[in-house]
Amino acid sequence: MARHLKTSRDAALRAEDQAKIRTTVEGILADIADRGDVAVRELSVKFDAWDRPDYRLTDAEIQACMAELSARDIEDIKFAQAQVRNFAQHQRASMTDIEVETLPGIVLGHKNIPISAVGCYVPGGKYPLLASAHMSVITAKVAGVPRIVTCAPPFHGKPAPAIVAAQHLAGADEIWCLGGIQAVGAMALGTETMRPVDMLVGPGNAFVAEAKRQLYGRVGIDLFAGPTETLVIADDSVDGELCATDLLGQAEHGTNSPAILLTTSEKLARETMAEIARLLTILPTAAVAAKAWDDYGEVIVCDSDEEMVEEADRIASEHVQVMTRDPEYFLTNMTNYGALFLGPRTNVSYGDKVIGTNHTLPTMKAARYTGGLWVGKFLKTVTYQRVTTDAASAMIGEYCSRLCLLEGFVGHAEQANIRVRRYGGRNIAYGTAAE
């Protein structure tokens, strides 16, 4: 039976925090819908101390940001983007339009149509997370989205050069220096200066995530996102330093980022906790990571790999790092996760930044029913039908007529009956079923 050596913060307290956020976001979105650019500017000044006549960056400003980066910086960004683009292109190639004759004269098909306009939020208030530009803009571009808008907050009082460069090199059509609720609200609702988009994607803080949740329906979204989560599954084939490093490497995202160790070795569990305590004395981001570990860290000891799979699927973590003698066992048997990182040679940071898979992934147990952001999220798979012969229309019409009347839909039945009469030569009385 699984045993907790360390537990996380009470779920009721988490729910209380979320309720406060929900109320704040609701009021701000209503203000943006009512007052447009005026509200957006006031919010930007209030939350980011950032005021300018137009928040969209000019070509000259974009080039100035590019010029602030070294040749190596640009080369590294291009390398990461090439990996993301390559994998996204393979994903896109796997999605084909189809057309098939299912019965003589009955042709059915589907097409994959790109969404017309997508808004990509790139977090950057605390850390300039340029990798999020790769993950959202490039993936949308490969899908064929014709208009891609990006928003990122100012960093230290100005546009973050690395984020701007990443947005530009990824192919964004409009780059705005705007953060928080005001950014996603403006993209979704539209203002006097920003045309609305059809879909919002990209990670963000709790307020951005809640804004996306409240805007869902008016626009599409990628995921109902929460704080970054990491789960390390390990046995005694690895050591505590490796496990501790991988846990804290994600805990530094935010003070409410869950980091969980799942292991069959109590010795490894205790070594990992000791290593975490040691690393927190030297980690530059320890103030954030320590709070996350104190409030949201967990250590669970299981009796077997089978029990670890059961626990891991219950947790349904965003990131799952598997460092066991047989990591393939977890790939074969696990069903609830955002992304798997198999073996000690890989890690979540590779996926976050450069290896090529998308880092926008399901959190808060959403991995039970969805995967992460990928090319398919930017495509609408829509169907069509074509009936090519009189005989086929009459034949399918007879079935349709009878089935409609089973449901009491006489008008529906008549849509079928009129075709049975015209194309099949059958004299069916109005409102009766074809025999």
Protein backbone atom coordinates (compact mmCIF):
# COMPACT_ATOMS: atom_id res chain seq x y z
CA MET A 1 0.00 0.00 0.00
CA ALA A 2 1.24 3.48 -0.89
CA ARG A 3 2.58 5.46 2.09
CA HIS A 4 3.05 9.23 2.27
CA LEU A 5 6.31 10.38 3.81
CA LYS A 6 5.34 13.97 2.98
CA THR A 7 1.94 15.48 2.12
CA SER A 8 0.89 18.72 0.45
CA ARG A 9 -1.29 21.68 1.40
CA ASP A 10 -4.94 21.06 2.24
CA ALA A 11 -7.25 20.99 -0.80
CA ALA A 12 -9.80 23.27 0.91
CA LEU A 13 -7.23 26.06 1.20
CA ARG A 14 -6.41 25.69 -2.50
CA ALA A 15 -10.11 26.04 -3.36
CA GLU A 16 -10.36 29.18 -1.23
CA ASP A 17 -7.45 30.74 -3.13
CA GLN A 18 -9.09 29.89 -6.46
CA ALA A 19 -12.42 31.47 -5.45
CA LYS A 20 -10.70 34.82 -4.81
CA ILE A 21 -8.97 34.68 -8.18
CA ARG A 22 -12.22 33.85 -9.94
CA THR A 23 -13.98 36.93 -8.57
CA THR A 24 -11.11 39.25 -9.48
CA VAL A 25 -10.87 37.95 -13.04
CA GLU A 26 -14.61 38.18 -13.65
CA GLY A 27 -14.64 41.88 -12.79
CA ILE A 28 -11.60 42.68 -14.93
CA LEU A 29 -12.93 40.89 -18.02
CA ALA A 30 -16.24 42.72 -17.69
CA ASP A 31 -14.34 46.01 -17.55
CA ILE A 32 -12.35 45.17 -20.71
CA ALA A 33 -15.54 44.20 -22.54
CA ASP A 34 -17.13 47.50 -21.52
CA ARG A 35 -14.28 50.01 -21.93
CA GLY A 36 -11.85 48.35 -24.34
CA ASP A 37 -8.48 50.04 -24.79
CA VAL A 38 -9.04 52.43 -21.89
CA ALA A 39 -9.46 49.54 -19.47
CA VAL A 40 -6.52 47.65 -20.96
CA ARG A 41 -4.24 50.67 -20.53
CA GLU A 42 -5.32 51.24 -16.92
CA LEU A 43 -4.73 47.58 -16.12
CA SER A 44 -1.31 47.58 -17.76
CA VAL A 45 -0.28 50.62 -15.75
CA LYS A 46 -1.69 49.15 -12.54
CA PHE A 47 -0.21 45.65 -12.78
CA ASP A 48 2.90 46.14 -14.95
CA ALA A 49 3.67 49.87 -14.57
CA TRP A 50 3.67 49.89 -18.37
CA ASP A 51 2.09 52.69 -20.37
CA ARG A 52 2.44 53.60 -24.02
CA PRO A 53 0.13 54.91 -26.77
CA ASP A 54 0.05 51.57 -28.62
CA TYR A 55 1.00 48.22 -27.11
CA ARG A 56 1.69 46.59 -30.47
CA LEU A 57 5.41 46.62 -31.23
CA THR A 58 6.59 48.25 -34.46
CA ASP A 59 8.97 46.56 -36.88
CA ALA A 60 11.69 48.93 -35.69
CA GLU A 61 11.12 47.93 -32.05
CA ILE A 62 11.22 44.25 -32.99
CA GLN A 63 14.51 44.69 -34.82
CA ALA A 64 15.91 46.65 -31.88
CA CYS A 65 15.09 43.73 -29.58
CA MET A 66 16.72 41.32 -32.01
CA ALA A 67 19.85 43.48 -32.02
CA GLU A 68 20.16 43.18 -28.23
CA LEU A 69 20.79 39.45 -28.48
CA SER A 70 24.12 37.86 -29.33
CA ALA A 71 24.64 35.69 -32.40
CA ARG A 72 24.78 32.66 -30.08
CA ASP A 73 21.43 33.63 -28.51
CA ILE A 74 19.80 33.83 -31.92
CA GLU A 75 21.41 30.55 -32.99
CA ASP A 76 20.14 28.79 -29.85
CA ILE A 77 16.61 30.11 -30.34
CA LYS A 78 16.64 28.97 -33.96
CA PHE A 79 17.89 25.51 -32.93
CA ALA A 80 15.08 25.07 -30.41
CA GLN A 81 12.51 26.33 -32.90
CA ALA A 82 13.79 23.92 -35.55
CA GLN A 83 13.19 20.99 -33.18
CA VAL A 84 9.66 22.14 -32.35
CA ARG A 85 8.87 22.81 -36.01
CA ASN A 86 10.23 19.43 -37.13
CA PHE A 87 8.10 17.45 -34.67
CA ALA A 88 5.03 19.59 -35.40
CA GLN A 89 5.46 18.97 -39.13
CA HIS A 90 5.53 15.22 -38.52
CA GLN A 91 2.37 15.55 -36.43
CA ARG A 92 0.67 17.56 -39.18
CA ALA A 93 1.63 14.96 -41.79
CA SER A 94 -0.13 12.30 -39.70
CA MET A 95 -3.45 14.17 -40.06
CA THR A 96 -4.91 13.60 -43.50
CA ASP A 97 -8.14 14.64 -45.16
CA ILE A 98 -10.26 11.63 -46.11
CA GLU A 99 -13.06 10.87 -48.57
CA VAL A 100 -14.65 7.44 -48.82
CA GLU A 101 -17.65 5.88 -50.55
CA THR A 102 -19.30 4.08 -47.64
CA LEU A 103 -22.23 2.74 -49.70
CA PRO A 104 -22.84 2.90 -53.45
CA GLY A 105 -23.51 6.59 -54.21
CA ILE A 106 -22.84 7.74 -50.60
CA VAL A 107 -19.61 9.71 -50.23
CA LEU A 108 -18.42 10.93 -46.80
CA GLY A 109 -15.32 12.89 -45.94
CA HIS A 110 -13.55 15.16 -43.54
CA LYS A 111 -11.20 18.09 -43.92
CA ASN A 112 -8.75 19.60 -41.45
CA ILE A 113 -9.18 23.37 -41.58
CA PRO A 114 -6.89 25.75 -39.64
CA ILE A 115 -8.45 28.14 -37.14
CA SER A 116 -8.53 31.64 -38.62
CA ALA A 117 -6.94 33.64 -35.80
CA VAL A 118 -5.07 32.52 -32.69
CA GLY A 119 -3.84 34.52 -29.72
CA CYS A 120 -0.68 33.18 -28.06
CA TYR A 121 0.13 34.28 -24.54
CA VAL A 122 3.81 34.14 -23.59
CA PRO A 123 4.47 34.50 -19.84
CA GLY A 124 7.31 36.80 -18.97
CA GLY A 125 6.67 38.89 -15.89
CA LYS A 126 8.84 36.81 -13.53
CA TYR A 127 10.98 34.91 -16.05
CA PRO A 128 11.17 35.70 -19.80
CA LEU A 129 9.74 32.35 -20.93
CA LEU A 130 10.62 32.58 -24.60
CA ALA A 131 10.12 28.82 -25.04
CA SER A 132 6.37 29.38 -24.86
CA ALA A 133 6.61 31.37 -28.09
CA HIS A 134 8.13 28.35 -29.85
CA MET A 135 5.47 26.01 -28.56
CA SER A 136 2.45 28.09 -29.50
CA VAL A 137 3.42 30.20 -32.51
CA ILE A 138 5.36 27.56 -34.44
CA THR A 139 2.75 24.88 -33.85
CA ALA A 140 -0.02 27.20 -35.03
CA LYS A 141 2.10 28.20 -38.03
CA VAL A 142 2.67 24.57 -39.04
CA ALA A 143 -1.09 23.99 -38.74
CA GLY A 144 -1.62 26.82 -41.24
CA VAL A 145 -3.24 29.46 -39.00
CA PRO A 146 -3.28 32.66 -41.12
CA ARG A 147 -3.25 35.22 -38.26
CA ILE A 148 -1.19 34.68 -35.12
CA VAL A 149 -1.20 37.34 -32.40
CA THR A 150 1.24 37.20 -29.49
CA CYS A 151 1.18 38.98 -26.15
CA ALA A 152 3.91 39.00 -23.50
CA PRO A 153 4.28 41.33 -20.53
CA PRO A 154 7.13 43.82 -20.17
CA PHE A 155 10.20 42.52 -18.37
CA HIS A 156 12.08 45.02 -16.19
CA GLY A 157 10.10 47.87 -17.72
CA LYS A 158 10.46 47.09 -21.42
CA PRO A 159 9.74 44.37 -23.97
CA ALA A 160 11.85 41.28 -23.20
CA PRO A 161 14.30 41.05 -26.11
CA ALA A 162 14.53 37.25 -26.05
CA ILE A 163 10.75 36.83 -26.05
CA VAL A 164 10.31 39.34 -28.87
CA ALA A 165 13.03 37.60 -30.90
CA ALA A 166 11.39 34.21 -30.32
CA GLN A 167 7.96 35.53 -31.31
CA HIS A 168 9.37 37.15 -34.44
CA LEU A 169 11.50 34.19 -35.53
CA ALA A 170 8.58 31.83 -34.91
CA GLY A 171 6.47 33.84 -37.37
CA ALA A 172 4.01 35.85 -35.25
CA ASP A 173 1.97 38.29 -37.35
CA GLU A 174 1.33 40.77 -34.51
CA ILE A 175 3.54 41.19 -31.44
CA TRP A 176 2.11 43.07 -28.47
CA CYS A 177 3.86 43.93 -25.22
CA LEU A 178 0.94 43.34 -22.91
CA GLY A 179 0.58 40.97 -19.98
CA GLY A 180 -1.86 39.32 -17.63
CA ILE A 181 -5.64 39.33 -17.73
CA GLN A 182 -5.60 42.47 -19.87
CA ALA A 183 -3.66 40.63 -22.60
CA VAL A 184 -5.87 37.55 -22.87
CA GLY A 185 -8.99 39.67 -22.40
CA ALA A 186 -8.01 42.02 -25.22
CA MET A 187 -7.16 39.15 -27.55
CA ALA A 188 -10.41 37.31 -26.89
CA LEU A 189 -12.82 40.22 -26.61
CA GLY A 190 -11.15 42.65 -28.99
CA THR A 191 -10.66 46.38 -28.45
CA GLU A 192 -10.56 49.46 -30.62
CA THR A 193 -6.97 48.63 -31.63
CA MET A 194 -6.90 44.83 -31.46
CA ARG A 195 -9.09 42.58 -33.57
CA PRO A 196 -10.35 39.58 -31.56
CA VAL A 197 -9.00 36.08 -32.12
CA ASP A 198 -10.84 32.77 -32.28
CA MET A 199 -8.64 30.80 -29.90
CA LEU A 200 -6.33 31.49 -26.95
CA VAL A 201 -3.29 29.34 -26.17
CA GLY A 202 -0.28 29.45 -23.90
CA PRO A 203 0.49 29.10 -20.20
CA GLY A 204 0.30 31.84 -17.60
CA ASN A 205 -0.16 32.55 -13.92
CA ALA A 206 -3.30 31.70 -11.98
CA PHE A 207 -5.06 34.89 -13.15
CA VAL A 208 -4.28 34.24 -16.82
CA ALA A 209 -5.44 30.63 -16.48
CA GLU A 210 -8.70 31.72 -14.86
CA ALA A 211 -9.25 34.37 -17.52
CA LYS A 212 -8.90 31.73 -20.22
CA ARG A 213 -11.34 29.50 -18.34
CA GLN A 214 -13.94 32.27 -18.16
CA LEU A 215 -13.44 33.20 -21.82
CA TYR A 216 -13.86 29.63 -23.02
CA GLY A 217 -16.95 29.43 -25.19
CA ARG A 218 -16.52 32.93 -26.52
CA VAL A 219 -13.21 31.64 -27.88
CA GLY A 220 -11.54 28.26 -27.92
CA ILE A 221 -8.64 27.53 -25.60
CA ASP A 222 -5.86 24.98 -25.57
CA LEU A 223 -6.26 23.73 -21.99
CA PHE A 224 -7.67 24.58 -18.59
CA ALA A 225 -4.21 25.23 -17.19
CA GLY A 226 -3.03 25.34 -13.60
CA PRO A 227 0.40 25.59 -11.97
CA THR A 228 3.26 23.54 -13.38
CA GLU A 229 3.27 19.99 -12.01
CA THR A 230 6.02 17.39 -11.93
CA LEU A 231 6.03 13.76 -10.87
CA VAL A 232 9.26 11.81 -10.53
CA ILE A 233 8.89 8.03 -10.61
CA ALA A 234 12.09 6.37 -9.46
CA ASP A 235 13.57 3.21 -8.00
CA ASP A 236 16.96 2.52 -6.45
CA SER A 237 18.65 2.48 -9.85
CA VAL A 238 19.11 6.25 -9.44
CA ASP A 239 20.19 8.50 -6.59
CA GLY A 240 18.66 11.19 -4.45
CA GLU A 241 20.58 14.06 -6.04
CA LEU A 242 19.12 13.31 -9.48
CA CYS A 243 15.57 13.05 -8.11
CA ALA A 244 15.92 16.20 -6.00
CA THR A 245 17.29 18.18 -8.94
CA ASP A 246 14.40 17.17 -11.19
CA LEU A 247 11.82 18.00 -8.52
CA LEU A 248 13.24 21.43 -7.68
CA GLY A 249 13.87 22.19 -11.34
CA GLN A 250 10.10 22.40 -11.81
CA ALA A 251 9.16 23.66 -8.33
CA GLU A 252 10.92 26.93 -9.18
CA HIS A 253 8.10 27.74 -11.61
CA GLY A 254 5.92 29.05 -8.78
CA THR A 255 5.12 28.77 -5.11
CA ASN A 256 2.07 26.61 -5.88
CA SER A 257 3.77 24.14 -8.25
CA PRO A 258 3.27 20.53 -7.11
CA ALA A 259 6.40 18.34 -7.11
CA ILE A 260 5.90 14.69 -6.19
CA LEU A 261 8.29 11.77 -5.76
CA LEU A 262 6.86 8.30 -6.30
CA THR A 263 9.27 5.47 -5.46
CA THR A 264 9.58 1.86 -4.40
CA SER A 265 12.62 2.69 -2.26
CA GLU A 266 12.18 4.33 1.12
CA LYS A 267 15.95 4.78 1.24
CA LEU A 268 15.83 6.79 -2.02
CA ALA A 269 12.85 8.77 -0.71
CA ARG A 270 14.73 9.88 2.40
CA GLU A 271 17.92 10.58 0.45
CA THR A 272 15.91 12.74 -1.96
CA MET A 273 14.35 14.77 0.85
CA ALA A 274 17.79 15.31 2.35
CA GLU A 275 19.17 16.39 -1.05
CA ILE A 276 16.27 18.81 -1.51
CA ALA A 277 17.10 20.41 1.83
CA ARG A 278 20.76 20.73 0.75
CA LEU A 279 20.03 22.08 -2.73
CA LEU A 280 17.65 24.68 -1.33
CA THR A 281 20.60 26.25 0.46
CA ILE A 282 22.37 26.95 -2.87
CA LEU A 283 19.62 27.20 -5.51
CA PRO A 284 19.23 30.85 -6.65
CA THR A 285 15.46 30.34 -7.03
CA ALA A 286 15.15 28.68 -3.62
CA ALA A 287 12.70 31.26 -2.26
CA VAL A 288 10.11 30.09 -4.78
CA ALA A 289 11.08 26.41 -4.93
CA ALA A 290 11.20 26.01 -1.14
CA LYS A 291 7.69 27.40 -0.73
CA ALA A 292 6.40 25.12 -3.47
CA TRP A 293 8.08 22.11 -1.89
CA ASP A 294 6.84 22.97 1.60
CA ASP A 295 3.22 23.50 0.52
CA TYR A 296 2.84 21.24 -2.51
CA GLY A 297 5.64 18.68 -2.35
CA GLU A 298 4.81 15.03 -1.71
CA VAL A 299 6.80 11.84 -1.23
CA ILE A 300 5.01 8.52 -1.73
CA VAL A 301 6.53 5.08 -1.24
CA CYS A 302 4.94 2.15 -3.10
CA ASP A 303 5.47 -1.59 -2.94
CA SER A 304 5.83 -2.29 -6.66
CA ASP A 305 6.01 -0.81 -10.14
CA GLU A 306 2.37 -1.85 -10.60
CA GLU A 307 1.37 0.21 -7.59
CA MET A 308 3.40 3.17 -8.86
CA VAL A 309 1.48 3.04 -12.15
CA GLU A 310 -1.79 3.04 -10.21
CA GLU A 311 -0.70 6.01 -8.10
CA ALA A 312 0.69 7.89 -11.10
CA ASP A 313 -2.57 7.50 -13.02
CA ARG A 314 -4.46 8.75 -9.96
CA ILE A 315 -2.20 11.81 -9.74
CA ALA A 316 -2.41 12.42 -13.54
CA SER A 317 0.54 14.80 -13.50
CA GLU A 318 1.51 17.25 -16.22
CA HIS A 319 5.15 16.08 -16.40
CA VAL A 320 6.21 12.56 -15.46
CA GLN A 321 9.93 11.79 -15.19
CA VAL A 322 10.50 8.00 -15.12
CA MET A 323 13.87 6.86 -13.78
CA THR A 324 13.54 3.13 -13.16
CA ARG A 325 15.22 -0.04 -14.41
CA ASP A 326 12.39 -0.53 -16.91
CA PRO A 327 10.96 2.86 -17.94
CA GLU A 328 9.24 1.25 -20.95
CA TYR A 329 6.92 -0.50 -18.49
CA PHE A 330 5.45 2.89 -17.59
CA LEU A 331 5.11 3.94 -21.24
CA THR A 332 3.18 0.73 -21.90
CA ASN A 333 0.96 0.83 -18.84
CA MET A 334 0.38 4.45 -17.81
CA THR A 335 -2.66 6.25 -19.23
CA ASN A 336 -2.94 9.59 -17.40
CA TYR A 337 -0.09 12.05 -18.01
CA GLY A 338 0.77 15.14 -20.01
CA ALA A 339 4.21 14.04 -21.17
CA LEU A 340 6.54 11.20 -20.22
CA PHE A 341 10.30 11.61 -19.90
CA LEU A 342 11.77 8.12 -20.01
CA GLY A 343 15.08 7.30 -18.36
CA PRO A 344 17.65 9.40 -16.50
CA ARG A 345 19.21 10.77 -19.71
CA THR A 346 16.18 12.96 -20.41
CA ASN A 347 14.29 15.34 -18.15
CA VAL A 348 11.41 17.80 -18.08
CA SER A 349 13.64 20.77 -18.83
CA TYR A 350 14.52 19.26 -22.23
CA GLY A 351 10.81 19.10 -23.06
CA ASP A 352 10.21 22.58 -21.69
CA LYS A 353 12.88 24.26 -23.76
CA VAL A 354 14.37 22.47 -26.71
CA ILE A 355 13.83 18.80 -27.51
CA GLY A 356 10.82 19.37 -29.77
CA THR A 357 7.70 18.09 -28.01
CA ASN A 358 5.24 20.73 -26.87
CA HIS A 359 5.47 22.00 -23.29
CA THR A 360 1.88 23.25 -23.00
CA LEU A 361 0.38 20.29 -21.17
CA PRO A 362 -2.68 19.34 -19.08
CA THR A 363 -2.63 20.10 -15.36
CA MET A 364 -5.04 19.64 -12.43
CA LYS A 365 -5.81 16.03 -13.46
CA ALA A 366 -6.93 17.08 -16.94
CA ALA A 367 -4.55 14.42 -18.28
CA ARG A 368 -7.38 12.00 -17.53
CA TYR A 369 -9.21 13.27 -20.63
CA THR A 370 -6.84 15.31 -22.83
CA GLY A 371 -3.32 15.55 -24.09
CA GLY A 372 -1.32 18.73 -24.51
CA LEU A 373 -1.04 21.38 -27.20
CA TRP A 374 -0.20 20.04 -30.65
CA VAL A 375 -0.88 20.81 -34.29
CA GLY A 376 -4.29 19.16 -34.10
CA LYS A 377 -5.50 21.74 -31.55
CA PHE A 378 -5.26 24.42 -34.22
CA LEU A 379 -7.26 22.43 -36.76
CA LYS A 380 -11.00 21.94 -37.04
CA THR A 381 -11.80 18.49 -38.38
CA VAL A 382 -15.05 19.11 -40.24
CA THR A 383 -17.16 16.62 -42.15
CA TYR A 384 -19.11 16.70 -45.40
CA GLN A 385 -21.31 14.32 -47.36
CA ARG A 386 -22.25 13.88 -50.99
CA VAL A 387 -24.98 11.66 -52.47
CA THR A 388 -24.20 11.00 -56.11
CA THR A 389 -27.12 8.87 -57.39
CA ASP A 390 -30.91 8.94 -57.24
CA ALA A 391 -30.96 5.36 -55.99
CA ALA A 392 -28.64 6.14 -53.09
CA SER A 393 -30.70 9.15 -51.98
CA ALA A 394 -33.93 7.14 -52.08
CA MET A 395 -32.39 4.19 -50.23
CA ILE A 396 -30.86 6.21 -47.39
CA GLY A 397 -34.00 8.36 -47.30
CA GLU A 398 -36.22 5.40 -46.46
CA TYR A 399 -34.10 4.53 -43.43
CA CYS A 400 -33.95 8.18 -42.38
CA SER A 401 -37.71 8.61 -42.68
CA ARG A 402 -38.51 5.72 -40.38
CA LEU A 403 -35.85 6.65 -37.83
CA CYS A 404 -37.04 10.28 -37.67
CA LEU A 405 -40.61 9.23 -36.93
CA LEU A 406 -39.37 6.93 -34.16
CA GLU A 407 -38.21 10.15 -32.50
CA GLY A 408 -41.36 12.09 -33.36
CA PHE A 409 -39.59 14.47 -35.76
CA VAL A 410 -42.09 14.72 -38.62
CA GLY A 411 -40.34 17.64 -40.28
CA HIS A 412 -37.08 15.73 -40.25
CA ALA A 413 -38.86 12.76 -41.81
CA GLU A 414 -40.25 14.94 -44.59
CA GLN A 415 -36.73 16.04 -45.53
CA ALA A 416 -36.13 12.37 -46.30
CA ASN A 417 -39.58 11.65 -47.74
CA ILE A 418 -39.47 14.36 -50.38
CA ARG A 419 -36.30 12.80 -51.75
CA VAL A 420 -37.75 9.31 -51.65
CA ARG A 421 -40.71 10.65 -53.68
CA ARG A 422 -38.55 12.57 -56.17
CA TYR A 423 -35.61 10.25 -56.60
CA GLY A 424 -37.18 6.88 -55.82
CA GLY A 425 -40.60 7.31 -57.37
CA ARG A 426 -42.34 6.33 -54.12
CA ASN A 427 -45.70 7.88 -53.21
CA ILE A 428 -45.34 8.52 -49.46
CA ALA A 429 -48.09 10.48 -47.72
CA TYR A 430 -46.95 13.58 -45.84
CA GLY A 431 -45.98 12.76 -42.26
CA THR A 432 -45.83 9.00 -42.70
CA ALA A 433 -42.84 6.71 -42.80
CA ALA A 434 -41.46 5.08 -45.89
CA GLU A 435 -42.23 1.35 -45.87
